[in-house]
Amino acid sequence: ASATAALKSAAMLDSVTYPTIGFQSTRVVVTGAATIDILGDLTLHGVSRPVVLRGRRTATADGAPAYDLTTTIRRGEFGVRGYRGLVGDKVKLDIHAVLTPTD
């Protein structure tokens, strides 16, 4: 099986039961000229927990504002326990977000 299939399997993220991962921001803190912290709730595997996404401003090829965001979670806190011994509990999430205006 592929790594993607293993990640989606019931032993890991169980993407059939939990098809989406969500994040709802609660606060944005400007920490520097090109850095921010976004506080909010991450929902993964049906469990919501507070996290802080640390971000650095970048730009897309067309100049649209974007951020490279990162946080580290403990997957066991979200009920993801499969493959213990092969995959550590601490998982670093890297997110690239492009900001687009909404109506």
PDB file of N, CA and C in Angstrom:
ATOM      1  N   ALA A   1       0.839  -1.188   0.000  1.00  0.00           N
ATOM      2  CA  ALA A   1       0.000   0.000   0.000  1.00  0.00           C
ATOM      3  C   ALA A   1       0.880   1.246   0.000  1.00  0.00           C
ATOM      4  N   SER A   2       0.380   2.290  -0.606  1.00  0.00           N
ATOM      5  CA  SER A   2       1.145   3.536  -0.676  1.00  0.00           C
ATOM      6  C   SER A   2       1.121   4.261   0.668  1.00  0.00           C
ATOM      7  N   ALA A   3       2.034   5.198   0.831  1.00  0.00           N
ATOM      8  CA  ALA A   3       2.076   5.998   2.053  1.00  0.00           C
ATOM      9  C   ALA A   3       0.787   6.797   2.211  1.00  0.00           C
ATOM     10  N   THR A   4       0.238   7.289   1.098  1.00  0.00           N
ATOM     11  CA  THR A   4      -1.018   8.042   1.149  1.00  0.00           C
ATOM     12  C   THR A   4      -2.151   7.152   1.622  1.00  0.00           C
ATOM     13  N   ALA A   5      -2.218   5.929   1.106  1.00  0.00           N
ATOM     14  CA  ALA A   5      -3.267   4.998   1.525  1.00  0.00           C
ATOM     15  C   ALA A   5      -3.137   4.679   3.011  1.00  0.00           C
ATOM     16  N   ALA A   6      -1.907   4.491   3.491  1.00  0.00           N
ATOM     17  CA  ALA A   6      -1.693   4.209   4.911  1.00  0.00           C
ATOM     18  C   ALA A   6      -2.124   5.390   5.773  1.00  0.00           C
ATOM     19  N   LEU A   7      -1.816   6.612   5.336  1.00  0.00           N
ATOM     20  CA  LEU A   7      -2.192   7.799   6.071  1.00  0.00           C
ATOM     21  C   LEU A   7      -3.708   7.953   6.150  1.00  0.00           C
ATOM     22  N   LYS A   8      -4.414   7.616   5.072  1.00  0.00           N
ATOM     23  CA  LYS A   8      -5.871   7.731   5.025  1.00  0.00           C
ATOM     24  C   LYS A   8      -6.591   6.576   5.721  1.00  0.00           C
ATOM     25  N   SER A   9      -5.875   5.503   6.033  1.00  0.00           N
ATOM     26  CA  SER A   9      -6.486   4.290   6.571  1.00  0.00           C
ATOM     27  C   SER A   9      -7.119   4.516   7.942  1.00  0.00           C
ATOM     28  N   ALA A  10      -7.963   3.555   8.349  1.00  0.00           N
ATOM     29  CA  ALA A  10      -8.627   3.623   9.653  1.00  0.00           C
ATOM     30  C   ALA A  10      -7.615   3.632  10.795  1.00  0.00           C
ATOM     31  N   ALA A  11      -6.426   3.051  10.586  1.00  0.00           N
ATOM     32  CA  ALA A  11      -5.404   3.022  11.627  1.00  0.00           C
ATOM     33  C   ALA A  11      -4.772   4.387  11.868  1.00  0.00           C
ATOM     34  N   MET A  12      -4.879   5.293  10.896  1.00  0.00           N
ATOM     35  CA  MET A  12      -4.272   6.617  11.058  1.00  0.00           C
ATOM     36  C   MET A  12      -5.361   7.696  11.084  1.00  0.00           C
ATOM     37  N   LEU A  13      -5.580   8.386   9.961  1.00  0.00           N
ATOM     38  CA  LEU A  13      -6.529   9.502   9.951  1.00  0.00           C
ATOM     39  C   LEU A  13      -7.977   9.082   9.736  1.00  0.00           C
ATOM     40  N   ASP A  14      -8.215   7.863   9.270  1.00  0.00           N
ATOM     41  CA  ASP A  14      -9.565   7.353   9.032  1.00  0.00           C
ATOM     42  C   ASP A  14     -10.368   8.355   8.191  1.00  0.00           C
ATOM     43  N   SER A  15      -9.879   8.607   6.971  1.00  0.00           N
ATOM     44  CA  SER A  15     -10.478   9.634   6.111  1.00  0.00           C
ATOM     45  C   SER A  15     -11.886   9.303   5.649  1.00  0.00           C
ATOM     46  N   VAL A  16     -12.318   8.048   5.761  1.00  0.00           N
ATOM     47  CA  VAL A  16     -13.703   7.721   5.422  1.00  0.00           C
ATOM     48  C   VAL A  16     -14.635   8.304   6.487  1.00  0.00           C
ATOM     49  N   THR A  17     -14.298   8.102   7.750  1.00  0.00           N
ATOM     50  CA  THR A  17     -15.116   8.618   8.854  1.00  0.00           C
ATOM     51  C   THR A  17     -14.913  10.115   9.044  1.00  0.00           C
ATOM     52  N   TYR A  18     -13.680  10.589   8.885  1.00  0.00           N
ATOM     53  CA  TYR A  18     -13.330  12.004   9.106  1.00  0.00           C
ATOM     54  C   TYR A  18     -12.710  12.571   7.835  1.00  0.00           C
ATOM     55  N   PRO A  19     -13.544  12.940   6.837  1.00  0.00           N
ATOM     56  CA  PRO A  19     -13.001  13.332   5.532  1.00  0.00           C
ATOM     57  C   PRO A  19     -12.330  14.707   5.487  1.00  0.00           C
ATOM     58  N   THR A  20     -12.513  15.525   6.525  1.00  0.00           N
ATOM     59  CA  THR A  20     -11.920  16.864   6.492  1.00  0.00           C
ATOM     60  C   THR A  20     -11.115  17.138   7.760  1.00  0.00           C
ATOM     61  N   ILE A  21     -10.159  18.015   7.612  1.00  0.00           N
ATOM     62  CA  ILE A  21      -9.406  18.575   8.724  1.00  0.00           C
ATOM     63  C   ILE A  21      -9.715  20.060   8.700  1.00  0.00           C
ATOM     64  N   GLY A  22     -10.082  20.631   9.840  1.00  0.00           N
ATOM     65  CA  GLY A  22     -10.491  22.033   9.864  1.00  0.00           C
ATOM     66  C   GLY A  22      -9.686  22.860  10.849  1.00  0.00           C
ATOM     67  N   PHE A  23      -9.676  24.156  10.589  1.00  0.00           N
ATOM     68  CA  PHE A  23      -9.036  25.105  11.497  1.00  0.00           C
ATOM     69  C   PHE A  23      -9.909  26.343  11.561  1.00  0.00           C
ATOM     70  N   GLN A  24     -10.243  26.766  12.772  1.00  0.00           N
ATOM     71  CA  GLN A  24     -11.028  27.982  12.987  1.00  0.00           C
ATOM     72  C   GLN A  24     -10.191  28.932  13.829  1.00  0.00           C
ATOM     73  N   SER A  25      -9.790  30.051  13.213  1.00  0.00           N
ATOM     74  CA  SER A  25      -8.949  31.006  13.943  1.00  0.00           C
ATOM     75  C   SER A  25      -9.775  31.743  14.988  1.00  0.00           C
ATOM     76  N   THR A  26      -9.115  32.088  16.093  1.00  0.00           N
ATOM     77  CA  THR A  26      -9.753  32.859  17.159  1.00  0.00           C
ATOM     78  C   THR A  26      -9.053  34.195  17.386  1.00  0.00           C
ATOM     79  N   ARG A  27      -7.794  34.267  16.933  1.00  0.00           N
ATOM     80  CA  ARG A  27      -7.029  35.506  17.145  1.00  0.00           C
ATOM     81  C   ARG A  27      -5.794  35.489  16.267  1.00  0.00           C
ATOM     82  N   VAL A  28      -5.422  36.648  15.749  1.00  0.00           N
ATOM     83  CA  VAL A  28      -4.195  36.806  14.974  1.00  0.00           C
ATOM     84  C   VAL A  28      -3.330  37.836  15.695  1.00  0.00           C
ATOM     85  N   VAL A  29      -2.079  37.459  15.940  1.00  0.00           N
ATOM     86  CA  VAL A  29      -1.145  38.341  16.628  1.00  0.00           C
ATOM     87  C   VAL A  29       0.016  38.629  15.690  1.00  0.00           C
ATOM     88  N   VAL A  30       0.249  39.907  15.398  1.00  0.00           N
ATOM     89  CA  VAL A  30       1.401  40.311  14.589  1.00  0.00           C
ATOM     90  C   VAL A  30       2.617  40.254  15.507  1.00  0.00           C
ATOM     91  N   THR A  31       3.593  39.441  15.131  1.00  0.00           N
ATOM     92  CA  THR A  31       4.766  39.247  15.985  1.00  0.00           C
ATOM     93  C   THR A  31       6.023  39.901  15.429  1.00  0.00           C
ATOM     94  N   GLY A  32       5.961  40.411  14.216  1.00  0.00           N
ATOM     95  CA  GLY A  32       7.110  41.058  13.592  1.00  0.00           C
ATOM     96  C   GLY A  32       6.701  41.654  12.264  1.00  0.00           C
ATOM     97  N   ALA A  33       7.647  42.233  11.559  1.00  0.00           N
ATOM     98  CA  ALA A  33       7.352  42.885  10.283  1.00  0.00           C
ATOM     99  C   ALA A  33       6.782  41.910   9.252  1.00  0.00           C
ATOM    100  N   ALA A  34       7.186  40.642   9.317  1.00  0.00           N
ATOM    101  CA  ALA A  34       6.712  39.653   8.342  1.00  0.00           C
ATOM    102  C   ALA A  34       6.244  38.364   9.010  1.00  0.00           C
ATOM    103  N   THR A  35       5.954  38.439  10.334  1.00  0.00           N
ATOM    104  CA  THR A  35       5.565  37.226  11.050  1.00  0.00           C
ATOM    105  C   THR A  35       4.267  37.424  11.832  1.00  0.00           C
ATOM    106  N   ILE A  36       3.529  36.323  11.966  1.00  0.00           N
ATOM    107  CA  ILE A  36       2.273  36.332  12.717  1.00  0.00           C
ATOM    108  C   ILE A  36       2.126  35.011  13.461  1.00  0.00           C
ATOM    109  N   ASP A  37       1.309  35.041  14.505  1.00  0.00           N
ATOM    110  CA  ASP A  37       0.820  33.842  15.165  1.00  0.00           C
ATOM    111  C   ASP A  37      -0.690  33.831  14.973  1.00  0.00           C
ATOM    112  N   ILE A  38      -1.220  32.720  14.514  1.00  0.00           N
ATOM    113  CA  ILE A  38      -2.662  32.569  14.380  1.00  0.00           C
ATOM    114  C   ILE A  38      -3.100  31.534  15.409  1.00  0.00           C
ATOM    115  N   LEU A  39      -3.879  31.972  16.380  1.00  0.00           N
ATOM    116  CA  LEU A  39      -4.388  31.081  17.408  1.00  0.00           C
ATOM    117  C   LEU A  39      -5.743  30.577  16.958  1.00  0.00           C
ATOM    118  N   GLY A  40      -6.038  29.325  17.251  1.00  0.00           N
ATOM    119  CA  GLY A  40      -7.333  28.796  16.871  1.00  0.00           C
ATOM    120  C   GLY A  40      -7.479  27.342  17.251  1.00  0.00           C
ATOM    121  N   ASP A  41      -8.559  26.745  16.764  1.00  0.00           N
ATOM    122  CA  ASP A  41      -8.878  25.359  17.065  1.00  0.00           C
ATOM    123  C   ASP A  41      -8.710  24.507  15.815  1.00  0.00           C
ATOM    124  N   LEU A  42      -7.881  23.473  15.940  1.00  0.00           N
ATOM    125  CA  LEU A  42      -7.659  22.505  14.876  1.00  0.00           C
ATOM    126  C   LEU A  42      -8.566  21.309  15.151  1.00  0.00           C
ATOM    127  N   THR A  43      -9.343  20.901  14.141  1.00  0.00           N
ATOM    128  CA  THR A  43     -10.174  19.708  14.264  1.00  0.00           C
ATOM    129  C   THR A  43      -9.590  18.647  13.355  1.00  0.00           C
ATOM    130  N   LEU A  44      -9.192  17.536  13.963  1.00  0.00           N
ATOM    131  CA  LEU A  44      -8.542  16.439  13.270  1.00  0.00           C
ATOM    132  C   LEU A  44      -9.056  15.142  13.878  1.00  0.00           C
ATOM    133  N   HIS A  45      -9.488  14.238  13.050  1.00  0.00           N
ATOM    134  CA  HIS A  45      -9.947  12.930  13.531  1.00  0.00           C
ATOM    135  C   HIS A  45     -11.122  13.083  14.494  1.00  0.00           C
ATOM    136  N   GLY A  46     -11.936  14.129  14.261  1.00  0.00           N
ATOM    137  CA  GLY A  46     -13.130  14.374  15.065  1.00  0.00           C
ATOM    138  C   GLY A  46     -12.878  15.038  16.407  1.00  0.00           C
ATOM    139  N   VAL A  47     -11.636  15.450  16.671  1.00  0.00           N
ATOM    140  CA  VAL A  47     -11.267  16.072  17.944  1.00  0.00           C
ATOM    141  C   VAL A  47     -10.764  17.483  17.677  1.00  0.00           C
ATOM    142  N   SER A  48     -11.270  18.457  18.451  1.00  0.00           N
ATOM    143  CA  SER A  48     -10.819  19.848  18.332  1.00  0.00           C
ATOM    144  C   SER A  48      -9.918  20.191  19.511  1.00  0.00           C
ATOM    145  N   ARG A  49      -8.786  20.831  19.193  1.00  0.00           N
ATOM    146  CA  ARG A  49      -7.838  21.257  20.215  1.00  0.00           C
ATOM    147  C   ARG A  49      -7.242  22.600  19.801  1.00  0.00           C
ATOM    148  N   PRO A  50      -6.903  23.443  20.786  1.00  0.00           N
ATOM    149  CA  PRO A  50      -6.270  24.726  20.448  1.00  0.00           C
ATOM    150  C   PRO A  50      -4.834  24.525  19.966  1.00  0.00           C
ATOM    151  N   VAL A  51      -4.458  25.297  18.951  1.00  0.00           N
ATOM    152  CA  VAL A  51      -3.095  25.292  18.436  1.00  0.00           C
ATOM    153  C   VAL A  51      -2.697  26.719  18.091  1.00  0.00           C
ATOM    154  N   VAL A  52      -1.410  26.927  17.912  1.00  0.00           N
ATOM    155  CA  VAL A  52      -0.883  28.207  17.420  1.00  0.00           C
ATOM    156  C   VAL A  52      -0.136  27.912  16.132  1.00  0.00           C
ATOM    157  N   LEU A  53      -0.571  28.552  15.050  1.00  0.00           N
ATOM    158  CA  LEU A  53       0.136  28.465  13.773  1.00  0.00           C
ATOM    159  C   LEU A  53       1.094  29.649  13.710  1.00  0.00           C
ATOM    160  N   ARG A  54       2.371  29.381  13.601  1.00  0.00           N
ATOM    161  CA  ARG A  54       3.376  30.449  13.487  1.00  0.00           C
ATOM    162  C   ARG A  54       3.645  30.661  12.005  1.00  0.00           C
ATOM    163  N   GLY A  55       3.543  31.931  11.574  1.00  0.00           N
ATOM    164  CA  GLY A  55       3.635  32.198  10.147  1.00  0.00           C
ATOM    165  C   GLY A  55       4.634  33.254   9.764  1.00  0.00           C
ATOM    166  N   ARG A  56       5.132  33.099   8.543  1.00  0.00           N
ATOM    167  CA  ARG A  56       6.028  34.072   7.917  1.00  0.00           C
ATOM    168  C   ARG A  56       5.420  34.458   6.582  1.00  0.00           C
ATOM    169  N   ARG A  57       5.310  35.767   6.328  1.00  0.00           N
ATOM    170  CA  ARG A  57       4.714  36.268   5.091  1.00  0.00           C
ATOM    171  C   ARG A  57       5.616  35.971   3.906  1.00  0.00           C
ATOM    172  N   THR A  58       4.999  35.495   2.838  1.00  0.00           N
ATOM    173  CA  THR A  58       5.672  35.269   1.566  1.00  0.00           C
ATOM    174  C   THR A  58       4.763  35.882   0.501  1.00  0.00           C
ATOM    175  N   ALA A  59       4.987  35.564  -0.730  1.00  0.00           N
ATOM    176  CA  ALA A  59       4.113  36.034  -1.806  1.00  0.00           C
ATOM    177  C   ALA A  59       4.079  34.973  -2.891  1.00  0.00           C
ATOM    178  N   THR A  60       2.982  34.939  -3.627  1.00  0.00           N
ATOM    179  CA  THR A  60       2.874  34.016  -4.754  1.00  0.00           C
ATOM    180  C   THR A  60       3.562  34.634  -5.969  1.00  0.00           C
ATOM    181  N   ALA A  61       3.637  33.891  -7.056  1.00  0.00           N
ATOM    182  CA  ALA A  61       4.271  34.384  -8.284  1.00  0.00           C
ATOM    183  C   ALA A  61       3.591  35.643  -8.793  1.00  0.00           C
ATOM    184  N   ASP A  62       2.272  35.765  -8.576  1.00  0.00           N
ATOM    185  CA  ASP A  62       1.569  36.965  -9.043  1.00  0.00           C
ATOM    186  C   ASP A  62       1.508  38.066  -7.973  1.00  0.00           C
ATOM    187  N   GLY A  63       2.228  37.869  -6.867  1.00  0.00           N
ATOM    188  CA  GLY A  63       2.311  38.894  -5.835  1.00  0.00           C
ATOM    189  C   GLY A  63       1.227  38.820  -4.776  1.00  0.00           C
ATOM    190  N   ALA A  64       0.332  37.840  -4.831  1.00  0.00           N
ATOM    191  CA  ALA A  64      -0.714  37.710  -3.813  1.00  0.00           C
ATOM    192  C   ALA A  64      -0.075  37.408  -2.464  1.00  0.00           C
ATOM    193  N   PRO A  65      -0.601  37.997  -1.392  1.00  0.00           N
ATOM    194  CA  PRO A  65      -0.024  37.724  -0.080  1.00  0.00           C
ATOM    195  C   PRO A  65      -0.247  36.265   0.315  1.00  0.00           C
ATOM    196  N   ALA A  66       0.760  35.690   0.943  1.00  0.00           N
ATOM    197  CA  ALA A  66       0.683  34.300   1.375  1.00  0.00           C
ATOM    198  C   ALA A  66       1.482  34.154   2.660  1.00  0.00           C
ATOM    199  N   TYR A  67       1.229  33.073   3.371  1.00  0.00           N
ATOM    200  CA  TYR A  67       1.967  32.779   4.596  1.00  0.00           C
ATOM    201  C   TYR A  67       2.379  31.317   4.599  1.00  0.00           C
ATOM    202  N   ASP A  68       3.599  31.069   5.056  1.00  0.00           N
ATOM    203  CA  ASP A  68       4.044  29.722   5.370  1.00  0.00           C
ATOM    204  C   ASP A  68       3.835  29.568   6.871  1.00  0.00           C
ATOM    205  N   LEU A  69       2.984  28.624   7.250  1.00  0.00           N
ATOM    206  CA  LEU A  69       2.589  28.430   8.642  1.00  0.00           C
ATOM    207  C   LEU A  69       3.078  27.075   9.137  1.00  0.00           C
ATOM    208  N   THR A  70       3.382  27.003  10.418  1.00  0.00           N
ATOM    209  CA  THR A  70       3.821  25.725  10.991  1.00  0.00           C
ATOM    210  C   THR A  70       3.329  25.590  12.419  1.00  0.00           C
ATOM    211  N   THR A  71       3.085  24.363  12.822  1.00  0.00           N
ATOM    212  CA  THR A  71       2.785  24.022  14.211  1.00  0.00           C
ATOM    213  C   THR A  71       3.170  22.572  14.416  1.00  0.00           C
ATOM    214  N   THR A  72       3.336  22.176  15.648  1.00  0.00           N
ATOM    215  CA  THR A  72       3.597  20.783  15.988  1.00  0.00           C
ATOM    216  C   THR A  72       2.492  20.309  16.903  1.00  0.00           C
ATOM    217  N   ILE A  73       1.928  19.142  16.580  1.00  0.00           N
ATOM    218  CA  ILE A  73       0.865  18.566  17.398  1.00  0.00           C
ATOM    219  C   ILE A  73       1.311  17.201  17.915  1.00  0.00           C
ATOM    220  N   ARG A  74       0.610  16.716  18.905  1.00  0.00           N
ATOM    221  CA  ARG A  74       0.751  15.332  19.364  1.00  0.00           C
ATOM    222  C   ARG A  74      -0.468  14.594  18.828  1.00  0.00           C
ATOM    223  N   ARG A  75      -0.243  13.683  17.907  1.00  0.00           N
ATOM    224  CA  ARG A  75      -1.360  13.033  17.227  1.00  0.00           C
ATOM    225  C   ARG A  75      -2.229  12.231  18.175  1.00  0.00           C
ATOM    226  N   GLY A  76      -1.653  11.711  19.269  1.00  0.00           N
ATOM    227  CA  GLY A  76      -2.437  10.977  20.258  1.00  0.00           C
ATOM    228  C   GLY A  76      -3.502  11.835  20.908  1.00  0.00           C
ATOM    229  N   GLU A  77      -3.245  13.155  21.042  1.00  0.00           N
ATOM    230  CA  GLU A  77      -4.233  14.065  21.615  1.00  0.00           C
ATOM    231  C   GLU A  77      -5.461  14.212  20.715  1.00  0.00           C
ATOM    232  N   PHE A  78      -5.314  13.831  19.448  1.00  0.00           N
ATOM    233  CA  PHE A  78      -6.424  13.884  18.502  1.00  0.00           C
ATOM    234  C   PHE A  78      -6.999  12.479  18.247  1.00  0.00           C
ATOM    235  N   GLY A  79      -6.569  11.513  19.036  1.00  0.00           N
ATOM    236  CA  GLY A  79      -7.083  10.158  18.893  1.00  0.00           C
ATOM    237  C   GLY A  79      -6.461   9.357  17.760  1.00  0.00           C
ATOM    238  N   VAL A  80      -5.364   9.842  17.198  1.00  0.00           N
ATOM    239  CA  VAL A  80      -4.679   9.134  16.112  1.00  0.00           C
ATOM    240  C   VAL A  80      -3.539   8.332  16.743  1.00  0.00           C
ATOM    241  N   ARG A  81      -3.734   7.015  16.836  1.00  0.00           N
ATOM    242  CA  ARG A  81      -2.778   6.195  17.577  1.00  0.00           C
ATOM    243  C   ARG A  81      -2.152   5.075  16.748  1.00  0.00           C
ATOM    244  N   GLY A  82      -2.548   4.914  15.519  1.00  0.00           N
ATOM    245  CA  GLY A  82      -2.033   3.830  14.690  1.00  0.00           C
ATOM    246  C   GLY A  82      -0.554   3.947  14.397  1.00  0.00           C
ATOM    247  N   TYR A  83       0.039   2.810  14.114  1.00  0.00           N
ATOM    248  CA  TYR A  83       1.447   2.706  13.713  1.00  0.00           C
ATOM    249  C   TYR A  83       2.416   3.195  14.788  1.00  0.00           C
ATOM    250  N   ARG A  84       2.037   3.045  16.068  1.00  0.00           N
ATOM    251  CA  ARG A  84       2.972   3.405  17.145  1.00  0.00           C
ATOM    252  C   ARG A  84       4.232   2.587  16.992  1.00  0.00           C
ATOM    253  N   GLY A  85       5.345   3.171  17.240  1.00  0.00           N
ATOM    254  CA  GLY A  85       6.625   2.505  17.057  1.00  0.00           C
ATOM    255  C   GLY A  85       7.216   2.780  15.678  1.00  0.00           C
ATOM    256  N   LEU A  86       6.342   3.056  14.708  1.00  0.00           N
ATOM    257  CA  LEU A  86       6.810   3.407  13.358  1.00  0.00           C
ATOM    258  C   LEU A  86       6.708   4.906  13.115  1.00  0.00           C
ATOM    259  N   VAL A  87       5.700   5.518  13.724  1.00  0.00           N
ATOM    260  CA  VAL A  87       5.459   6.952  13.556  1.00  0.00           C
ATOM    261  C   VAL A  87       5.408   7.573  14.943  1.00  0.00           C
ATOM    262  N   GLY A  88       6.171   8.628  15.147  1.00  0.00           N
ATOM    263  CA  GLY A  88       6.198   9.293  16.447  1.00  0.00           C
ATOM    264  C   GLY A  88       4.897  10.006  16.759  1.00  0.00           C
ATOM    265  N   ASP A  89       4.713  10.351  18.024  1.00  0.00           N
ATOM    266  CA  ASP A  89       3.508  11.051  18.452  1.00  0.00           C
ATOM    267  C   ASP A  89       3.529  12.517  18.023  1.00  0.00           C
ATOM    268  N   LYS A  90       4.716  13.140  18.034  1.00  0.00           N
ATOM    269  CA  LYS A  90       4.825  14.542  17.629  1.00  0.00           C
ATOM    270  C   LYS A  90       4.888  14.631  16.105  1.00  0.00           C
ATOM    271  N   VAL A  91       4.009  15.449  15.539  1.00  0.00           N
ATOM    272  CA  VAL A  91       3.933  15.616  14.090  1.00  0.00           C
ATOM    273  C   VAL A  91       3.977  17.110  13.775  1.00  0.00           C
ATOM    274  N   LYS A  92       4.885  17.495  12.886  1.00  0.00           N
ATOM    275  CA  LYS A  92       4.984  18.893  12.457  1.00  0.00           C
ATOM    276  C   LYS A  92       4.082  19.081  11.244  1.00  0.00           C
ATOM    277  N   LEU A  93       3.234  20.103  11.314  1.00  0.00           N
ATOM    278  CA  LEU A  93       2.367  20.455  10.192  1.00  0.00           C
ATOM    279  C   LEU A  93       2.915  21.703   9.525  1.00  0.00           C
ATOM    280  N   ASP A  94       3.122  21.643   8.223  1.00  0.00           N
ATOM    281  CA  ASP A  94       3.537  22.796   7.425  1.00  0.00           C
ATOM    282  C   ASP A  94       2.405  23.130   6.476  1.00  0.00           C
ATOM    283  N   ILE A  95       1.969  24.391   6.495  1.00  0.00           N
ATOM    284  CA  ILE A  95       0.823  24.834   5.699  1.00  0.00           C
ATOM    285  C   ILE A  95       1.234  26.058   4.895  1.00  0.00           C
ATOM    286  N   HIS A  96       0.898  26.061   3.627  1.00  0.00           N
ATOM    287  CA  HIS A  96       1.109  27.250   2.800  1.00  0.00           C
ATOM    288  C   HIS A  96      -0.282  27.813   2.492  1.00  0.00           C
ATOM    289  N   ALA A  97      -0.538  29.037   2.922  1.00  0.00           N
ATOM    290  CA  ALA A  97      -1.860  29.657   2.749  1.00  0.00           C
ATOM    291  C   ALA A  97      -1.742  30.916   1.913  1.00  0.00           C
ATOM    292  N   VAL A  98      -2.566  30.993   0.874  1.00  0.00           N
ATOM    293  CA  VAL A  98      -2.643  32.190   0.024  1.00  0.00           C
ATOM    294  C   VAL A  98      -3.884  32.955   0.428  1.00  0.00           C
ATOM    295  N   LEU A  99      -3.734  34.239   0.709  1.00  0.00           N
ATOM    296  CA  LEU A  99      -4.860  35.063   1.139  1.00  0.00           C
ATOM    297  C   LEU A  99      -5.592  35.606  -0.078  1.00  0.00           C
ATOM    298  N   THR A 100      -6.885  35.400  -0.088  1.00  0.00           N
ATOM    299  CA  THR A 100      -7.715  35.904  -1.181  1.00  0.00           C
ATOM    300  C   THR A 100      -8.882  36.683  -0.593  1.00  0.00           C
ATOM    301  N   PRO A 101      -9.226  37.806  -1.203  1.00  0.00           N
ATOM    302  CA  PRO A 101     -10.359  38.596  -0.685  1.00  0.00           C
ATOM    303  C   PRO A 101     -11.681  37.840  -0.873  1.00  0.00           C
ATOM    304  N   THR A 102     -12.598  38.091   0.045  1.00  0.00           N
ATOM    305  CA  THR A 102     -13.930  37.501  -0.071  1.00  0.00           C
ATOM    306  C   THR A 102     -14.945  38.620  -0.214  1.00  0.00           C
ATOM    307  N   ASP A 103     -16.074  38.270  -0.740  1.00  0.00           N
ATOM    308  CA  ASP A 103     -17.139  39.281  -0.922  1.00  0.00           C
ATOM    309  C   ASP A 103     -17.819  39.595   0.378  1.00  0.00           C
TER     310      ASP A 103
END
